[in-house]
Each structure stands twice: as structure tokens, then as C-alpha cells.
Amino acid sequence: MKLEILGSGCANCQKLKAITDDVVSELGLSDAEVVKVEDYPKIVAYGVMSTPALVIDGKVVVSGKVPSKAEVTSFVTTALAR
């Protein structure tokens, strides 16, 4: 599983990365890859116009806000079920 945090590196982007790291750790997903993407053309390529955004396995699941830890957990478990 690949999780990408899209954003410029602002405080909200850092907060989303920390939440995502916590969720991955708590779910025991040792093979999950968490990557920060700060390259604007790559962010726009996903169709994201407002950051931070979370992408799981190439699919944007949320953008323009920092989701709660419960929401990120839900996004990850839903992606695992696919």
C-alpha cells in the first residue's frame, strides 16, 4: 500500500503526515509506504487544487482539509478491503 501526502510542507500537511504515520503504525502495516509529495506538478496531476491531500494507491481520498485520525483509519481500512 502506498500513501501519499500531497502539499507544500505547511503545518496542515505535516499534521496529516503525522496522523497517517500513526494510523499505519497502529494498524501494523509495516509494508505500507508513506510518502510526502511537495512537487506542484505532481500534485496538480492528481487533480488536487487544495492541500493537504491524501492519496492511497493512486486514488485521492481527501483534499483541502486535515481529516481526523478516525477518518484516515477508515480510508486505510477501506483501501485494504479492496
PDB file of N, CA and C in Angstrom:
ATOM      1  N   MET A   1       0.846  -1.167   0.000  1.00  0.00           N
ATOM      2  CA  MET A   1       0.000   0.000   0.000  1.00  0.00           C
ATOM      3  C   MET A   1       0.896   1.236   0.000  1.00  0.00           C
ATOM      4  N   LYS A   2       0.535   2.197  -0.853  1.00  0.00           N
ATOM      5  CA  LYS A   2       1.276   3.448  -0.927  1.00  0.00           C
ATOM      6  C   LYS A   2       0.350   4.593  -0.537  1.00  0.00           C
ATOM      7  N   LEU A   3       0.760   5.353   0.460  1.00  0.00           N
ATOM      8  CA  LEU A   3       0.002   6.514   0.927  1.00  0.00           C
ATOM      9  C   LEU A   3       0.834   7.750   0.642  1.00  0.00           C
ATOM     10  N   GLU A   4       0.232   8.709  -0.056  1.00  0.00           N
ATOM     11  CA  GLU A   4       0.945   9.929  -0.402  1.00  0.00           C
ATOM     12  C   GLU A   4       0.259  11.125   0.249  1.00  0.00           C
ATOM     13  N   ILE A   5       1.072  11.966   0.867  1.00  0.00           N
ATOM     14  CA  ILE A   5       0.602  13.208   1.460  1.00  0.00           C
ATOM     15  C   ILE A   5       0.989  14.307   0.480  1.00  0.00           C
ATOM     16  N   LEU A   6      -0.010  14.944  -0.120  1.00  0.00           N
ATOM     17  CA  LEU A   6       0.256  15.999  -1.086  1.00  0.00           C
ATOM     18  C   LEU A   6       0.166  17.355  -0.401  1.00  0.00           C
ATOM     19  N   GLY A   7       1.190  18.181  -0.608  1.00  0.00           N
ATOM     20  CA  GLY A   7       1.166  19.515  -0.035  1.00  0.00           C
ATOM     21  C   GLY A   7       2.534  20.153  -0.038  1.00  0.00           C
ATOM     22  N   SER A   8       2.548  21.417   0.284  1.00  0.00           N
ATOM     23  CA  SER A   8       3.766  22.219   0.209  1.00  0.00           C
ATOM     24  C   SER A   8       4.704  22.028   1.394  1.00  0.00           C
ATOM     25  N   GLY A   9       4.266  21.327   2.405  1.00  0.00           N
ATOM     26  CA  GLY A   9       5.068  21.170   3.609  1.00  0.00           C
ATOM     27  C   GLY A   9       4.593  22.080   4.729  1.00  0.00           C
ATOM     28  N   CYS A  10       3.416  22.650   4.559  1.00  0.00           N
ATOM     29  CA  CYS A  10       2.839  23.552   5.560  1.00  0.00           C
ATOM     30  C   CYS A  10       2.466  22.771   6.835  1.00  0.00           C
ATOM     31  N   ALA A  11       2.036  23.486   7.844  1.00  0.00           N
ATOM     32  CA  ALA A  11       1.679  22.862   9.125  1.00  0.00           C
ATOM     33  C   ALA A  11       0.575  21.820   8.958  1.00  0.00           C
ATOM     34  N   ASN A  12      -0.432  22.111   8.136  1.00  0.00           N
ATOM     35  CA  ASN A  12      -1.516  21.143   7.934  1.00  0.00           C
ATOM     36  C   ASN A  12      -1.025  19.893   7.216  1.00  0.00           C
ATOM     37  N   CYS A  13      -0.098  20.065   6.279  1.00  0.00           N
ATOM     38  CA  CYS A  13       0.467  18.908   5.579  1.00  0.00           C
ATOM     39  C   CYS A  13       1.266  18.041   6.549  1.00  0.00           C
ATOM     40  N   GLN A  14       2.020  18.694   7.428  1.00  0.00           N
ATOM     41  CA  GLN A  14       2.795  17.961   8.424  1.00  0.00           C
ATOM     42  C   GLN A  14       1.876  17.236   9.403  1.00  0.00           C
ATOM     43  N   LYS A  15       0.767  17.866   9.749  1.00  0.00           N
ATOM     44  CA  LYS A  15      -0.199  17.246  10.660  1.00  0.00           C
ATOM     45  C   LYS A  15      -0.815  15.996  10.018  1.00  0.00           C
ATOM     46  N   LEU A  16      -1.178  16.096   8.736  1.00  0.00           N
ATOM     47  CA  LEU A  16      -1.742  14.943   8.025  1.00  0.00           C
ATOM     48  C   LEU A  16      -0.720  13.816   7.939  1.00  0.00           C
ATOM     49  N   LYS A  17       0.542  14.149   7.710  1.00  0.00           N
ATOM     50  CA  LYS A  17       1.589  13.122   7.659  1.00  0.00           C
ATOM     51  C   LYS A  17       1.711  12.423   9.006  1.00  0.00           C
ATOM     52  N   ALA A  18       1.683  13.187  10.096  1.00  0.00           N
ATOM     53  CA  ALA A  18       1.792  12.601  11.436  1.00  0.00           C
ATOM     54  C   ALA A  18       0.606  11.688  11.732  1.00  0.00           C
ATOM     55  N   ILE A  19      -0.595  12.116  11.372  1.00  0.00           N
ATOM     56  CA  ILE A  19      -1.794  11.296  11.580  1.00  0.00           C
ATOM     57  C   ILE A  19      -1.682  10.007  10.769  1.00  0.00           C
ATOM     58  N   THR A  20      -1.271  10.136   9.522  1.00  0.00           N
ATOM     59  CA  THR A  20      -1.150   8.967   8.640  1.00  0.00           C
ATOM     60  C   THR A  20      -0.099   8.005   9.170  1.00  0.00           C
ATOM     61  N   ASP A  21       1.028   8.526   9.615  1.00  0.00           N
ATOM     62  CA  ASP A  21       2.073   7.662  10.203  1.00  0.00           C
ATOM     63  C   ASP A  21       1.535   6.915  11.420  1.00  0.00           C
ATOM     64  N   ASP A  22       0.776   7.612  12.264  1.00  0.00           N
ATOM     65  CA  ASP A  22       0.188   6.973  13.449  1.00  0.00           C
ATOM     66  C   ASP A  22      -0.759   5.841  13.060  1.00  0.00           C
ATOM     67  N   VAL A  23      -1.621   6.087  12.086  1.00  0.00           N
ATOM     68  CA  VAL A  23      -2.598   5.083  11.654  1.00  0.00           C
ATOM     69  C   VAL A  23      -1.881   3.862  11.084  1.00  0.00           C
ATOM     70  N   VAL A  24      -0.892   4.083  10.235  1.00  0.00           N
ATOM     71  CA  VAL A  24      -0.138   2.980   9.639  1.00  0.00           C
ATOM     72  C   VAL A  24       0.533   2.148  10.731  1.00  0.00           C
ATOM     73  N   SER A  25       1.097   2.823  11.713  1.00  0.00           N
ATOM     74  CA  SER A  25       1.759   2.133  12.821  1.00  0.00           C
ATOM     75  C   SER A  25       0.756   1.337  13.656  1.00  0.00           C
ATOM     76  N   GLU A  26      -0.359   1.967  14.020  1.00  0.00           N
ATOM     77  CA  GLU A  26      -1.366   1.310  14.855  1.00  0.00           C
ATOM     78  C   GLU A  26      -2.009   0.110  14.171  1.00  0.00           C
ATOM     79  N   LEU A  27      -2.140   0.184  12.840  1.00  0.00           N
ATOM     80  CA  LEU A  27      -2.722  -0.942  12.106  1.00  0.00           C
ATOM     81  C   LEU A  27      -1.683  -2.014  11.778  1.00  0.00           C
ATOM     82  N   GLY A  28      -0.430  -1.754  12.124  1.00  0.00           N
ATOM     83  CA  GLY A  28       0.624  -2.736  11.892  1.00  0.00           C
ATOM     84  C   GLY A  28       0.944  -2.959  10.430  1.00  0.00           C
ATOM     85  N   LEU A  29       0.832  -1.905   9.631  1.00  0.00           N
ATOM     86  CA  LEU A  29       1.071  -2.019   8.187  1.00  0.00           C
ATOM     87  C   LEU A  29       2.542  -1.746   7.879  1.00  0.00           C
ATOM     88  N   SER A  30       3.389  -2.682   8.269  1.00  0.00           N
ATOM     89  CA  SER A  30       4.832  -2.490   8.122  1.00  0.00           C
ATOM     90  C   SER A  30       5.269  -2.393   6.662  1.00  0.00           C
ATOM     91  N   ASP A  31       4.465  -2.930   5.749  1.00  0.00           N
ATOM     92  CA  ASP A  31       4.831  -2.868   4.339  1.00  0.00           C
ATOM     93  C   ASP A  31       4.259  -1.635   3.632  1.00  0.00           C
ATOM     94  N   ALA A  32       3.519  -0.805   4.350  1.00  0.00           N
ATOM     95  CA  ALA A  32       2.949   0.414   3.755  1.00  0.00           C
ATOM     96  C   ALA A  32       4.041   1.456   3.577  1.00  0.00           C
ATOM     97  N   GLU A  33       3.950   2.186   2.477  1.00  0.00           N
ATOM     98  CA  GLU A  33       4.906   3.242   2.176  1.00  0.00           C
ATOM     99  C   GLU A  33       4.191   4.593   2.296  1.00  0.00           C
ATOM    100  N   VAL A  34       4.685   5.459   3.168  1.00  0.00           N
ATOM    101  CA  VAL A  34       4.116   6.796   3.346  1.00  0.00           C
ATOM    102  C   VAL A  34       5.102   7.796   2.753  1.00  0.00           C
ATOM    103  N   VAL A  35       4.629   8.568   1.766  1.00  0.00           N
ATOM    104  CA  VAL A  35       5.497   9.477   1.022  1.00  0.00           C
ATOM    105  C   VAL A  35       4.909  10.877   1.021  1.00  0.00           C
ATOM    106  N   LYS A  36       5.767  11.885   1.237  1.00  0.00           N
ATOM    107  CA  LYS A  36       5.328  13.275   1.090  1.00  0.00           C
ATOM    108  C   LYS A  36       5.618  13.721  -0.333  1.00  0.00           C
ATOM    109  N   VAL A  37       4.629  14.328  -0.979  1.00  0.00           N
ATOM    110  CA  VAL A  37       4.788  14.845  -2.331  1.00  0.00           C
ATOM    111  C   VAL A  37       4.622  16.357  -2.262  1.00  0.00           C
ATOM    112  N   GLU A  38       5.715  17.079  -2.513  1.00  0.00           N
ATOM    113  CA  GLU A  38       5.689  18.536  -2.454  1.00  0.00           C
ATOM    114  C   GLU A  38       5.855  19.169  -3.830  1.00  0.00           C
ATOM    115  N   ASP A  39       6.038  18.351  -4.850  1.00  0.00           N
ATOM    116  CA  ASP A  39       6.239  18.827  -6.210  1.00  0.00           C
ATOM    117  C   ASP A  39       4.892  19.249  -6.809  1.00  0.00           C
ATOM    118  N   TYR A  40       4.739  20.547  -7.051  1.00  0.00           N
ATOM    119  CA  TYR A  40       3.454  21.094  -7.503  1.00  0.00           C
ATOM    120  C   TYR A  40       2.898  20.409  -8.762  1.00  0.00           C
ATOM    121  N   PRO A  41       3.705  20.176  -9.806  1.00  0.00           N
ATOM    122  CA  PRO A  41       3.148  19.485 -10.984  1.00  0.00           C
ATOM    123  C   PRO A  41       2.597  18.086 -10.666  1.00  0.00           C
ATOM    124  N   LYS A  42       3.231  17.384  -9.747  1.00  0.00           N
ATOM    125  CA  LYS A  42       2.730  16.057  -9.364  1.00  0.00           C
ATOM    126  C   LYS A  42       1.406  16.175  -8.614  1.00  0.00           C
ATOM    127  N   ILE A  43       1.300  17.206  -7.773  1.00  0.00           N
ATOM    128  CA  ILE A  43       0.062  17.428  -7.023  1.00  0.00           C
ATOM    129  C   ILE A  43      -1.082  17.739  -7.987  1.00  0.00           C
ATOM    130  N   VAL A  44      -0.819  18.637  -8.928  1.00  0.00           N
ATOM    131  CA  VAL A  44      -1.841  19.024  -9.907  1.00  0.00           C
ATOM    132  C   VAL A  44      -2.221  17.842 -10.797  1.00  0.00           C
ATOM    133  N   ALA A  45      -1.276  16.954 -11.061  1.00  0.00           N
ATOM    134  CA  ALA A  45      -1.551  15.778 -11.895  1.00  0.00           C
ATOM    135  C   ALA A  45      -2.635  14.897 -11.283  1.00  0.00           C
ATOM    136  N   TYR A  46      -2.767  14.949  -9.969  1.00  0.00           N
ATOM    137  CA  TYR A  46      -3.837  14.205  -9.291  1.00  0.00           C
ATOM    138  C   TYR A  46      -5.165  14.951  -9.344  1.00  0.00           C
ATOM    139  N   GLY A  47      -5.156  16.174  -9.868  1.00  0.00           N
ATOM    140  CA  GLY A  47      -6.380  16.969  -9.911  1.00  0.00           C
ATOM    141  C   GLY A  47      -6.652  17.686  -8.602  1.00  0.00           C
ATOM    142  N   VAL A  48      -5.666  17.728  -7.731  1.00  0.00           N
ATOM    143  CA  VAL A  48      -5.828  18.376  -6.424  1.00  0.00           C
ATOM    144  C   VAL A  48      -5.521  19.858  -6.555  1.00  0.00           C
ATOM    145  N   MET A  49      -6.470  20.679  -6.141  1.00  0.00           N
ATOM    146  CA  MET A  49      -6.283  22.125  -6.197  1.00  0.00           C
ATOM    147  C   MET A  49      -6.152  22.728  -4.797  1.00  0.00           C
ATOM    148  N   SER A  50      -6.441  21.938  -3.774  1.00  0.00           N
ATOM    149  CA  SER A  50      -6.385  22.418  -2.402  1.00  0.00           C
ATOM    150  C   SER A  50      -5.716  21.346  -1.537  1.00  0.00           C
ATOM    151  N   THR A  51      -4.674  21.763  -0.841  1.00  0.00           N
ATOM    152  CA  THR A  51      -3.945  20.821   0.001  1.00  0.00           C
ATOM    153  C   THR A  51      -4.192  21.138   1.467  1.00  0.00           C
ATOM    154  N   PRO A  52      -3.931  20.210   2.351  1.00  0.00           N
ATOM    155  CA  PRO A  52      -3.290  18.927   2.115  1.00  0.00           C
ATOM    156  C   PRO A  52      -4.264  17.929   1.487  1.00  0.00           C
ATOM    157  N   ALA A  53      -3.683  16.883   0.927  1.00  0.00           N
ATOM    158  CA  ALA A  53      -4.493  15.817   0.345  1.00  0.00           C
ATOM    159  C   ALA A  53      -3.847  14.478   0.680  1.00  0.00           C
ATOM    160  N   LEU A  54      -4.686  13.457   0.744  1.00  0.00           N
ATOM    161  CA  LEU A  54      -4.214  12.099   0.997  1.00  0.00           C
ATOM    162  C   LEU A  54      -4.598  11.228  -0.185  1.00  0.00           C
ATOM    163  N   VAL A  55      -3.585  10.537  -0.719  1.00  0.00           N
ATOM    164  CA  VAL A  55      -3.776   9.629  -1.845  1.00  0.00           C
ATOM    165  C   VAL A  55      -3.400   8.236  -1.374  1.00  0.00           C
ATOM    166  N   ILE A  56      -4.283   7.273  -1.610  1.00  0.00           N
ATOM    167  CA  ILE A  56      -4.000   5.891  -1.244  1.00  0.00           C
ATOM    168  C   ILE A  56      -4.039   5.055  -2.512  1.00  0.00           C
ATOM    169  N   ASP A  57      -2.917   4.427  -2.815  1.00  0.00           N
ATOM    170  CA  ASP A  57      -2.771   3.593  -4.006  1.00  0.00           C
ATOM    171  C   ASP A  57      -3.263   4.305  -5.259  1.00  0.00           C
ATOM    172  N   GLY A  58      -2.867   5.581  -5.395  1.00  0.00           N
ATOM    173  CA  GLY A  58      -3.181   6.340  -6.597  1.00  0.00           C
ATOM    174  C   GLY A  58      -4.537   7.011  -6.627  1.00  0.00           C
ATOM    175  N   LYS A  59      -5.327   6.847  -5.571  1.00  0.00           N
ATOM    176  CA  LYS A  59      -6.671   7.443  -5.526  1.00  0.00           C
ATOM    177  C   LYS A  59      -6.734   8.524  -4.446  1.00  0.00           C
ATOM    178  N   VAL A  60      -7.157   9.727  -4.840  1.00  0.00           N
ATOM    179  CA  VAL A  60      -7.310  10.818  -3.880  1.00  0.00           C
ATOM    180  C   VAL A  60      -8.523  10.498  -3.008  1.00  0.00           C
ATOM    181  N   VAL A  61      -8.305  10.434  -1.696  1.00  0.00           N
ATOM    182  CA  VAL A  61      -9.409  10.121  -0.784  1.00  0.00           C
ATOM    183  C   VAL A  61      -9.903  11.342  -0.025  1.00  0.00           C
ATOM    184  N   VAL A  62      -9.049  12.365   0.104  1.00  0.00           N
ATOM    185  CA  VAL A  62      -9.469  13.610   0.753  1.00  0.00           C
ATOM    186  C   VAL A  62      -8.511  14.716   0.334  1.00  0.00           C
ATOM    187  N   SER A  63      -9.052  15.920   0.165  1.00  0.00           N
ATOM    188  CA  SER A  63      -8.193  17.067  -0.123  1.00  0.00           C
ATOM    189  C   SER A  63      -8.818  18.329   0.450  1.00  0.00           C
ATOM    190  N   GLY A  64      -7.953  19.278   0.755  1.00  0.00           N
ATOM    191  CA  GLY A  64      -8.409  20.569   1.230  1.00  0.00           C
ATOM    192  C   GLY A  64      -8.682  20.662   2.716  1.00  0.00           C
ATOM    193  N   LYS A  65      -8.407  19.587   3.452  1.00  0.00           N
ATOM    194  CA  LYS A  65      -8.603  19.618   4.898  1.00  0.00           C
ATOM    195  C   LYS A  65      -7.751  18.543   5.552  1.00  0.00           C
ATOM    196  N   VAL A  66      -7.580  18.686   6.853  1.00  0.00           N
ATOM    197  CA  VAL A  66      -6.885  17.660   7.623  1.00  0.00           C
ATOM    198  C   VAL A  66      -7.958  16.752   8.214  1.00  0.00           C
ATOM    199  N   PRO A  67      -8.054  15.525   7.715  1.00  0.00           N
ATOM    200  CA  PRO A  67      -9.057  14.607   8.264  1.00  0.00           C
ATOM    201  C   PRO A  67      -8.670  14.155   9.667  1.00  0.00           C
ATOM    202  N   SER A  68      -9.653  13.712  10.411  1.00  0.00           N
ATOM    203  CA  SER A  68      -9.381  13.193  11.753  1.00  0.00           C
ATOM    204  C   SER A  68      -8.656  11.847  11.636  1.00  0.00           C
ATOM    205  N   LYS A  69      -8.096  11.420  12.752  1.00  0.00           N
ATOM    206  CA  LYS A  69      -7.426  10.117  12.786  1.00  0.00           C
ATOM    207  C   LYS A  69      -8.419   8.999  12.449  1.00  0.00           C
ATOM    208  N   ALA A  70      -9.650   9.126  12.938  1.00  0.00           N
ATOM    209  CA  ALA A  70     -10.685   8.126  12.649  1.00  0.00           C
ATOM    210  C   ALA A  70     -10.993   8.084  11.155  1.00  0.00           C
ATOM    211  N   GLU A  71     -11.027   9.250  10.515  1.00  0.00           N
ATOM    212  CA  GLU A  71     -11.293   9.283   9.068  1.00  0.00           C
ATOM    213  C   GLU A  71     -10.153   8.624   8.298  1.00  0.00           C
ATOM    214  N   VAL A  72      -8.917   8.921   8.668  1.00  0.00           N
ATOM    215  CA  VAL A  72      -7.770   8.315   7.983  1.00  0.00           C
ATOM    216  C   VAL A  72      -7.785   6.802   8.188  1.00  0.00           C
ATOM    217  N   THR A  73      -8.096   6.363   9.386  1.00  0.00           N
ATOM    218  CA  THR A  73      -8.206   4.922   9.653  1.00  0.00           C
ATOM    219  C   THR A  73      -9.258   4.293   8.754  1.00  0.00           C
ATOM    220  N   SER A  74     -10.382   4.955   8.598  1.00  0.00           N
ATOM    221  CA  SER A  74     -11.451   4.459   7.729  1.00  0.00           C
ATOM    222  C   SER A  74     -10.998   4.385   6.275  1.00  0.00           C
ATOM    223  N   PHE A  75     -10.305   5.417   5.804  1.00  0.00           N
ATOM    224  CA  PHE A  75      -9.804   5.423   4.416  1.00  0.00           C
ATOM    225  C   PHE A  75      -8.850   4.253   4.192  1.00  0.00           C
ATOM    226  N   VAL A  76      -7.961   4.032   5.146  1.00  0.00           N
ATOM    227  CA  VAL A  76      -6.950   2.976   5.001  1.00  0.00           C
ATOM    228  C   VAL A  76      -7.596   1.600   5.058  1.00  0.00           C
ATOM    229  N   THR A  77      -8.489   1.381   6.012  1.00  0.00           N
ATOM    230  CA  THR A  77      -9.123   0.061   6.120  1.00  0.00           C
ATOM    231  C   THR A  77     -10.015  -0.225   4.918  1.00  0.00           C
ATOM    232  N   THR A  78     -10.656   0.796   4.382  1.00  0.00           N
ATOM    233  CA  THR A  78     -11.466   0.622   3.167  1.00  0.00           C
ATOM    234  C   THR A  78     -10.564   0.230   2.000  1.00  0.00           C
ATOM    235  N   ALA A  79      -9.412   0.890   1.879  1.00  0.00           N
ATOM    236  CA  ALA A  79      -8.478   0.560   0.805  1.00  0.00           C
ATOM    237  C   ALA A  79      -7.923  -0.854   0.955  1.00  0.00           C
ATOM    238  N   LEU A  80      -7.714  -1.293   2.185  1.00  0.00           N
ATOM    239  CA  LEU A  80      -7.231  -2.653   2.423  1.00  0.00           C
ATOM    240  C   LEU A  80      -8.258  -3.704   2.009  1.00  0.00           C
ATOM    241  N   ALA A  81      -9.523  -3.341   2.141  1.00  0.00           N
ATOM    242  CA  ALA A  81     -10.601  -4.285   1.826  1.00  0.00           C
ATOM    243  C   ALA A  81     -10.798  -4.477   0.321  1.00  0.00           C
ATOM    244  N   ARG A  82     -10.226  -3.574  -0.467  1.00  0.00           N
ATOM    245  CA  ARG A  82     -10.377  -3.679  -1.932  1.00  0.00           C
ATOM    246  C   ARG A  82      -9.596  -4.825  -2.499  1.00  0.00           C
TER     247      ARG A  82
END
